[in-house]
Amino acid sequence: MEKIRVTIWNEFRHEKQNSAIAAIYPEGIHKAIAKGIAADDLEIRCATLDEPEHGLTDEVIASTDVLLWWGHAAHREVRDDIVAKVHKRVLEGMGLIVLHSGHFSKIFKAVTGCSCSLKWREQGEWERLWNIDPTHPITRGIGEYFQIPHEEMYGERFDIPSDSKILFLSNFEGGNVFRSGITLERGYGKIFYFQPGHESYPIYYQKEILQIIGNAVRWARPVFFREMQAPNTPALDEIRSKCDAPTTGIVQNVDGSAKK
């Protein structure tokens, strides 16, 4: 059995700077998720912001099938060149799972092309997540709904692309609603955004949360990796039309730059 190569990326700042959060996640959110989704078909490693190249070297990116991303207080510190490499790899087929406050990460903004803004409130209210697509692989094994005892409220309007497929809708104790689980496809890559996971609460120990993340990893696994190209393509059939218009002769890369 070929294992799915998973990299869990975590900012890993709150756990080192706040003793109350360290008490909840003594080894970091990334390690809690890694232990919670561990399975025979997954090969899991972790990477964090303060490692060289944020732990996302060319070798790590090239050998990752699915990347999980948790960030919050230091989105601006993530290097643009590394985000560009991750984005390129997503377009080539790598799966991307963005968690909670990662909605404001550079990589999520890059793949969505949106501001990803939303409403929020931190009062520890309950959240009820409704499974509105029970046939989807990510929702497999999850009932009609489940509840989180305490969570930061995220509320609409959530500025994400209109082609987002909604899997989970949430309502909060304070009255707000939110599209809390959505999927996208960009290039050859599959993307899942999942809202639960505020650092102040033990959410990444809850069985439903871990089951959904594990399901998402398997759903986002690449079918293949293929470089995105914009090739100058020969005609399949004979072209008999005559046209005297000039041609520019410019051959472009997929990013719009001219090939040398």
Protein backbone atom coordinates (compact mmCIF):
# COMPACT_ATOMS: atom_id res chain seq x y z
CA MET A 1 0.00 0.00 0.00
CA GLU A 2 1.41 3.37 -1.05
CA LYS A 3 1.03 5.79 1.81
CA ILE A 4 -0.33 9.32 1.52
CA ARG A 5 2.47 11.74 2.35
CA VAL A 6 1.03 14.36 4.70
CA THR A 7 2.74 17.53 5.94
CA ILE A 8 1.05 19.37 8.84
CA TRP A 9 2.16 23.01 8.93
CA ASN A 10 1.55 25.05 12.07
CA GLU A 11 2.57 28.58 12.95
CA PHE A 12 3.43 27.23 16.45
CA ARG A 13 3.57 30.60 18.20
CA HIS A 14 0.60 30.62 20.58
CA GLU A 15 1.69 27.35 22.19
CA LYS A 16 5.14 28.76 22.94
CA GLN A 17 4.01 32.19 24.13
CA ASN A 18 0.84 31.48 26.13
CA SER A 19 0.97 29.02 29.04
CA ALA A 20 -2.80 28.39 28.97
CA ILE A 21 -2.64 27.35 25.32
CA ALA A 22 0.52 25.32 25.96
CA ALA A 23 -1.42 23.41 28.61
CA ILE A 24 -3.99 22.43 25.97
CA TYR A 25 -1.47 21.67 23.21
CA PRO A 26 1.87 21.00 24.97
CA GLU A 27 3.50 19.72 21.78
CA GLY A 28 1.68 22.13 19.47
CA ILE A 29 -1.52 21.95 17.46
CA HIS A 30 0.38 20.18 14.67
CA LYS A 31 1.41 17.29 16.91
CA ALA A 32 -2.12 16.94 18.30
CA ILE A 33 -3.52 16.65 14.77
CA ALA A 34 -0.74 14.28 13.72
CA LYS A 35 -1.48 11.94 16.62
CA GLY A 36 -5.22 12.26 16.14
CA ILE A 37 -5.29 11.28 12.47
CA ALA A 38 -2.42 8.75 12.55
CA ALA A 39 -3.20 5.67 10.45
CA ASP A 40 -1.42 2.93 8.53
CA ASP A 41 -2.11 4.59 5.18
CA LEU A 42 -0.64 7.98 6.19
CA GLU A 43 3.00 9.07 6.39
CA ILE A 44 2.90 12.23 8.50
CA ARG A 45 5.51 14.88 9.18
CA CYS A 46 5.23 18.36 10.67
CA ALA A 47 6.67 21.76 9.78
CA THR A 48 6.52 25.10 11.60
CA LEU A 49 7.02 28.78 10.90
CA ASP A 50 10.31 29.29 12.72
CA GLU A 51 12.15 26.43 11.03
CA PRO A 52 14.50 27.29 8.15
CA GLU A 53 12.31 28.02 5.09
CA HIS A 54 9.33 27.54 7.44
CA GLY A 55 10.00 23.81 7.21
CA LEU A 56 8.78 23.91 3.62
CA THR A 57 11.93 23.26 1.66
CA ASP A 58 11.75 22.36 -2.01
CA GLU A 59 12.27 18.73 -1.02
CA VAL A 60 9.42 18.78 1.50
CA ILE A 61 7.01 20.46 -0.91
CA ALA A 62 7.92 18.06 -3.70
CA SER A 63 7.34 15.03 -1.46
CA THR A 64 4.01 16.14 0.03
CA ASP A 65 0.71 14.77 -1.26
CA VAL A 66 -1.51 16.74 1.13
CA LEU A 67 -0.56 19.86 3.10
CA LEU A 68 -2.49 20.96 6.22
CA TRP A 69 -2.17 24.63 7.23
CA TRP A 70 -2.86 26.30 10.59
CA GLY A 71 -1.82 29.94 11.04
CA HIS A 72 -3.10 32.96 12.93
CA ALA A 73 -0.89 35.70 14.40
CA ALA A 74 2.01 35.69 11.95
CA HIS A 75 0.53 35.37 8.45
CA ARG A 76 2.70 38.27 7.28
CA GLU A 77 5.88 36.50 8.34
CA VAL A 78 5.37 33.68 5.86
CA ARG A 79 7.72 34.32 2.95
CA ASP A 80 6.06 35.16 -0.36
CA ASP A 81 8.47 32.99 -2.34
CA ILE A 82 7.56 29.93 -0.29
CA VAL A 83 3.84 30.68 -0.66
CA ALA A 84 4.39 30.88 -4.42
CA LYS A 85 6.04 27.45 -4.41
CA VAL A 86 3.20 25.93 -2.38
CA HIS A 87 0.61 27.55 -4.66
CA LYS A 88 2.37 26.16 -7.74
CA ARG A 89 2.38 22.70 -6.22
CA VAL A 90 -1.33 22.90 -5.41
CA LEU A 91 -2.04 23.75 -9.05
CA GLU A 92 0.07 20.74 -10.02
CA GLY A 93 -2.02 18.40 -7.85
CA MET A 94 -1.09 18.69 -4.17
CA GLY A 95 -4.04 18.66 -1.79
CA LEU A 96 -4.44 21.60 0.61
CA ILE A 97 -6.44 21.61 3.86
CA VAL A 98 -6.72 25.02 5.51
CA LEU A 99 -7.82 25.10 9.14
CA HIS A 100 -9.58 27.74 11.23
CA SER A 101 -7.70 31.09 11.21
CA GLY A 102 -5.75 29.91 8.18
CA HIS A 103 -8.57 31.58 6.25
CA PHE A 104 -6.41 34.75 6.35
CA SER A 105 -3.22 32.94 5.34
CA LYS A 106 -1.37 34.00 2.23
CA ILE A 107 -1.82 30.58 0.66
CA PHE A 108 -5.61 30.52 1.14
CA LYS A 109 -5.93 34.02 -0.27
CA ALA A 110 -3.76 32.94 -3.21
CA VAL A 111 -5.84 29.88 -4.11
CA THR A 112 -9.17 31.68 -3.63
CA GLY A 113 -8.31 35.10 -5.04
CA CYS A 114 -10.53 36.61 -2.32
CA SER A 115 -10.09 38.66 0.84
CA CYS A 116 -11.43 35.71 2.91
CA SER A 117 -12.82 38.21 5.44
CA LEU A 118 -15.50 37.22 7.94
CA LYS A 119 -17.12 38.21 11.24
CA TRP A 120 -15.76 36.81 14.51
CA ARG A 121 -16.40 36.80 18.25
CA GLU A 122 -14.41 35.08 20.99
CA GLN A 123 -16.76 34.20 23.86
CA GLY A 124 -16.51 30.43 24.04
CA GLU A 125 -20.03 29.74 22.78
CA TRP A 126 -21.22 26.39 21.46
CA GLU A 127 -21.16 25.64 17.74
CA ARG A 128 -23.38 23.17 15.92
CA LEU A 129 -22.11 21.90 12.57
CA TRP A 130 -24.72 20.58 10.13
CA ASN A 131 -23.67 17.97 7.59
CA ILE A 132 -25.46 19.11 4.44
CA ASP A 133 -23.72 16.72 2.00
CA PRO A 134 -23.77 13.28 3.68
CA THR A 135 -22.67 11.49 0.48
CA HIS A 136 -19.35 13.35 0.21
CA PRO A 137 -16.15 11.45 1.16
CA ILE A 138 -15.18 14.15 3.68
CA THR A 139 -18.47 13.80 5.60
CA ARG A 140 -18.37 10.00 5.68
CA GLY A 141 -19.14 8.65 9.14
CA ILE A 142 -20.45 11.99 10.41
CA GLY A 143 -24.10 12.16 11.41
CA GLU A 144 -26.68 14.82 10.61
CA TYR A 145 -24.89 17.24 12.92
CA PHE A 146 -22.44 17.40 15.80
CA GLN A 147 -21.63 20.04 18.38
CA ILE A 148 -18.49 21.70 19.74
CA PRO A 149 -18.86 22.80 23.40
CA HIS A 150 -16.82 25.99 23.09
CA GLU A 151 -15.51 27.75 20.00
CA GLU A 152 -14.68 31.16 18.56
CA MET A 153 -17.55 32.37 16.44
CA TYR A 154 -16.93 32.84 12.72
CA GLY A 155 -19.86 34.43 10.92
CA GLU A 156 -21.11 35.43 7.51
CA ARG A 157 -20.41 37.11 5.23
CA PHE A 158 -17.39 34.93 4.41
CA ASP A 159 -15.68 36.27 1.29
CA ILE A 160 -14.81 33.11 -0.64
CA PRO A 161 -15.31 32.07 -4.29
CA SER A 162 -18.82 31.41 -5.53
CA ASP A 163 -17.80 27.95 -6.78
CA SER A 164 -17.12 26.78 -3.21
CA LYS A 165 -18.98 23.53 -2.50
CA ILE A 166 -20.51 23.64 0.99
CA LEU A 167 -20.24 20.49 3.11
CA PHE A 168 -20.90 21.90 6.58
CA LEU A 169 -23.03 24.81 7.78
CA SER A 170 -22.71 26.03 11.36
CA ASN A 171 -24.92 27.91 13.73
CA PHE A 172 -23.57 29.45 16.93
CA GLU A 173 -25.08 30.02 20.34
CA GLY A 174 -25.01 33.77 19.75
CA GLY A 175 -27.09 33.47 16.57
CA ASN A 176 -24.57 33.69 13.72
CA VAL A 177 -24.25 31.19 10.87
CA PHE A 178 -21.20 30.20 8.83
CA ARG A 179 -20.13 28.03 5.89
CA SER A 180 -17.78 26.02 8.07
CA GLY A 181 -16.63 23.35 5.62
CA ILE A 182 -16.11 24.03 1.91
CA THR A 183 -14.20 22.49 -0.97
CA LEU A 184 -12.59 24.00 -4.05
CA GLU A 185 -10.58 22.73 -6.98
CA ARG A 186 -7.75 24.79 -8.42
CA GLY A 187 -5.63 23.50 -11.26
CA TYR A 188 -5.23 19.79 -10.52
CA GLY A 189 -5.36 20.31 -6.74
CA LYS A 190 -8.20 19.80 -4.26
CA ILE A 191 -8.73 22.24 -1.38
CA PHE A 192 -10.75 21.92 1.82
CA TYR A 193 -11.32 24.75 4.28
CA PHE A 194 -12.52 23.68 7.74
CA GLN A 195 -13.43 26.35 10.29
CA PRO A 196 -13.25 24.70 13.77
CA GLY A 197 -9.96 24.89 15.64
CA HIS A 198 -9.47 27.96 17.84
CA GLU A 199 -6.27 27.60 19.85
CA SER A 200 -7.92 28.29 23.23
CA TYR A 201 -10.12 25.18 23.13
CA PRO A 202 -9.25 21.44 22.85
CA ILE A 203 -11.02 21.10 19.51
CA TYR A 204 -8.31 19.01 17.84
CA TYR A 205 -8.96 16.19 20.30
CA GLN A 206 -12.65 15.87 19.39
CA LYS A 207 -13.36 12.67 17.46
CA GLU A 208 -15.61 14.22 14.79
CA ILE A 209 -13.05 16.91 14.00
CA LEU A 210 -10.25 14.39 13.61
CA GLN A 211 -12.42 12.07 11.52
CA ILE A 212 -13.30 14.91 9.14
CA ILE A 213 -9.66 15.95 8.79
CA GLY A 214 -8.63 12.36 8.14
CA ASN A 215 -11.38 11.98 5.55
CA ALA A 216 -10.27 15.23 3.92
CA VAL A 217 -6.68 14.03 3.64
CA ARG A 218 -7.80 10.95 1.74
CA TRP A 219 -10.18 12.96 -0.47
CA ALA A 220 -7.49 15.53 -1.32
CA ARG A 221 -4.88 12.94 -2.25
CA PRO A 222 -3.57 13.73 -5.75
CA VAL A 223 -4.66 11.61 -8.67
CA PHE A 224 -1.39 12.66 -10.30
CA PHE A 225 1.09 15.52 -10.31
CA ARG A 226 1.32 17.43 -13.56
CA GLU A 227 3.00 20.75 -14.28
CA MET A 228 0.58 23.43 -15.36
CA GLN A 229 1.50 24.54 -18.89
CA ALA A 230 0.33 26.85 -21.65
CA PRO A 231 1.71 24.98 -24.68
CA ASN A 232 1.77 26.18 -28.27
CA THR A 233 -0.27 23.33 -29.74
CA PRO A 234 -0.18 22.03 -33.33
CA ALA A 235 -3.52 21.58 -35.12
CA LEU A 236 -5.15 18.17 -35.11
CA ASP A 237 -6.78 18.76 -38.49
CA GLU A 238 -5.66 20.52 -41.66
CA ILE A 239 -6.20 24.29 -41.52
CA ARG A 240 -7.30 25.56 -44.95
CA SER A 241 -8.30 29.07 -43.94
CA LYS A 242 -5.96 31.80 -45.10
CA CYS A 243 -5.17 34.76 -42.84
CA ASP A 244 -2.61 37.49 -43.43
CA ALA A 245 -2.77 38.92 -39.87
CA PRO A 246 0.62 39.17 -38.17
CA THR A 247 1.53 36.79 -35.34
CA THR A 248 3.46 37.95 -32.28
CA GLY A 249 5.53 34.82 -31.88
CA ILE A 250 5.34 35.04 -28.07
CA VAL A 251 5.24 31.73 -26.23
CA GLN A 252 4.03 32.14 -22.66
CA ASN A 253 4.53 30.37 -19.36
CA VAL A 254 1.43 29.52 -17.35
CA ASP A 255 2.04 32.56 -15.12
CA GLY A 256 1.78 34.86 -18.16
CA SER A 257 5.48 35.53 -18.56
CA ALA A 258 7.18 35.04 -21.92
CA LYS A 259 9.24 31.90 -22.37
CA LYS A 260 12.89 32.60 -23.02
